[in-house]
Amino acid sequence: MKRISILLALLLVASCGKRPVEEVVRDLESPDDAVRKRAAQELIMRDKEEVVPALLKVLRTGSPRAQYIAIQILGRMKDPRVVEPIEGFLSSQNVHIRAAAAEALGNLEA
């Protein structure tokens, strides 16, 4: 099992940059958990200069599920551009999104 995970991670690294960021971001809307997880992992490994603008768009226009994932990813990016947009989610009606926003902001301050 561990070898399979390592192999999948290596394949993911090798494939980074082959798909446009917009295509990977669209996968955050997938009903399939595995597809969303792969997309998130790929976005985390990409250059933040191309990922941050695409994820900020998800915060404005994406589904709550995609927004939740985008907030988690942006919290790991350590980019000051994301603070204000994420702060807006602290008052979300969705408890999971509020928690993700609080955690992301905590990560950004660390």
Protein backbone atom coordinates (compact mmCIF):
# COMPACT_ATOMS: atom_id res chain seq x y z
CA MET A 1 0.00 0.00 0.00
CA LYS A 2 2.80 2.41 0.89
CA ARG A 3 4.55 1.70 -2.42
CA ILE A 4 1.36 2.48 -4.30
CA SER A 5 1.02 5.80 -2.46
CA ILE A 6 4.62 6.70 -3.25
CA LEU A 7 4.13 5.75 -6.89
CA LEU A 8 0.97 7.84 -7.13
CA ALA A 9 2.77 10.80 -5.55
CA LEU A 10 5.63 10.48 -8.05
CA LEU A 11 3.19 10.28 -10.94
CA LEU A 12 1.42 13.36 -9.65
CA VAL A 13 4.70 15.28 -9.42
CA ALA A 14 5.66 14.18 -12.92
CA SER A 15 2.33 15.33 -14.31
CA CYS A 16 2.33 18.75 -12.63
CA GLY A 17 2.25 21.54 -15.13
CA LYS A 18 0.74 19.45 -17.89
CA ARG A 19 -2.86 20.48 -17.24
CA PRO A 20 -3.87 24.12 -17.18
CA VAL A 21 -4.57 25.44 -13.68
CA GLU A 22 -8.15 26.26 -14.66
CA GLU A 23 -8.74 22.60 -15.52
CA VAL A 24 -7.32 21.42 -12.21
CA VAL A 25 -9.41 24.00 -10.34
CA ARG A 26 -12.55 22.71 -12.08
CA ASP A 27 -11.81 19.33 -10.53
CA LEU A 28 -12.46 20.89 -7.11
CA GLU A 29 -16.14 20.82 -8.10
CA SER A 30 -16.10 17.09 -8.85
CA PRO A 31 -18.58 14.89 -6.98
CA ASP A 32 -15.75 12.33 -6.65
CA ASP A 33 -13.70 12.74 -3.45
CA ALA A 34 -10.61 11.19 -5.07
CA VAL A 35 -10.71 13.66 -7.97
CA ARG A 36 -11.03 16.61 -5.58
CA LYS A 37 -8.17 15.33 -3.43
CA ARG A 38 -5.89 14.86 -6.46
CA ALA A 39 -6.73 18.35 -7.68
CA ALA A 40 -5.97 19.85 -4.27
CA GLN A 41 -2.64 18.02 -4.08
CA GLU A 42 -1.69 19.17 -7.55
CA LEU A 43 -2.60 22.78 -6.79
CA ILE A 44 -0.57 22.76 -3.58
CA MET A 45 2.52 21.68 -5.53
CA ARG A 46 2.11 24.32 -8.25
CA ASP A 47 3.60 27.80 -8.27
CA LYS A 48 1.45 30.05 -6.11
CA GLU A 49 1.63 32.87 -8.66
CA GLU A 50 -0.56 30.86 -11.02
CA VAL A 51 -2.67 29.11 -8.37
CA VAL A 52 -3.65 31.97 -6.05
CA PRO A 53 -5.62 34.00 -8.64
CA ALA A 54 -7.52 30.90 -9.77
CA LEU A 55 -8.38 29.95 -6.18
CA LEU A 56 -9.45 33.50 -5.34
CA LYS A 57 -11.92 33.18 -8.21
CA VAL A 58 -13.22 29.95 -6.64
CA LEU A 59 -13.82 31.88 -3.41
CA ARG A 60 -16.01 34.32 -5.35
CA THR A 61 -17.86 31.94 -7.65
CA GLY A 62 -17.37 28.32 -6.58
CA SER A 63 -19.66 25.95 -4.76
CA PRO A 64 -19.34 25.75 -0.97
CA ARG A 65 -17.44 22.46 -1.38
CA ALA A 66 -14.92 24.05 -3.75
CA GLN A 67 -14.67 27.16 -1.57
CA TYR A 68 -13.87 24.98 1.44
CA ILE A 69 -11.03 23.25 -0.42
CA ALA A 70 -9.75 26.53 -1.88
CA ILE A 71 -9.62 28.08 1.59
CA GLN A 72 -7.61 25.12 2.87
CA ILE A 73 -5.15 25.37 -0.02
CA LEU A 74 -4.81 29.15 0.22
CA GLY A 75 -4.08 28.84 3.92
CA ARG A 76 -0.98 26.85 3.03
CA MET A 77 0.22 29.32 0.38
CA LYS A 78 1.43 32.00 2.83
CA ASP A 79 0.37 34.75 0.43
CA PRO A 80 -0.83 38.09 1.86
CA ARG A 81 -3.30 38.53 -1.02
CA VAL A 82 -5.53 35.83 0.42
CA VAL A 83 -6.03 37.21 3.94
CA GLU A 84 -8.89 39.61 3.21
CA PRO A 85 -10.86 37.23 0.97
CA ILE A 86 -10.56 34.44 3.54
CA GLU A 87 -11.59 36.77 6.38
CA GLY A 88 -14.91 37.20 4.61
CA PHE A 89 -15.66 33.52 5.21
CA LEU A 90 -15.39 33.86 8.99
CA SER A 91 -19.06 34.87 8.96
CA SER A 92 -20.19 32.10 6.59
CA GLN A 93 -23.36 30.24 7.52
CA ASN A 94 -21.48 27.00 6.77
CA VAL A 95 -19.71 25.87 9.94
CA HIS A 96 -17.11 23.90 7.97
CA ILE A 97 -16.21 26.90 5.85
CA ARG A 98 -15.96 29.13 8.94
CA ALA A 99 -13.65 26.60 10.60
CA ALA A 100 -11.51 26.28 7.46
CA ALA A 101 -11.24 30.07 7.23
CA ALA A 102 -10.17 30.37 10.87
CA GLU A 103 -7.59 27.62 10.45
CA ALA A 104 -6.28 29.10 7.19
CA LEU A 105 -5.87 32.53 8.76
CA GLY A 106 -4.04 30.94 11.68
CA ASN A 107 -1.69 29.22 9.23
CA LEU A 108 -1.09 32.50 7.42
CA GLU A 109 -0.08 34.23 10.64
CA ALA A 110 2.27 31.44 11.72
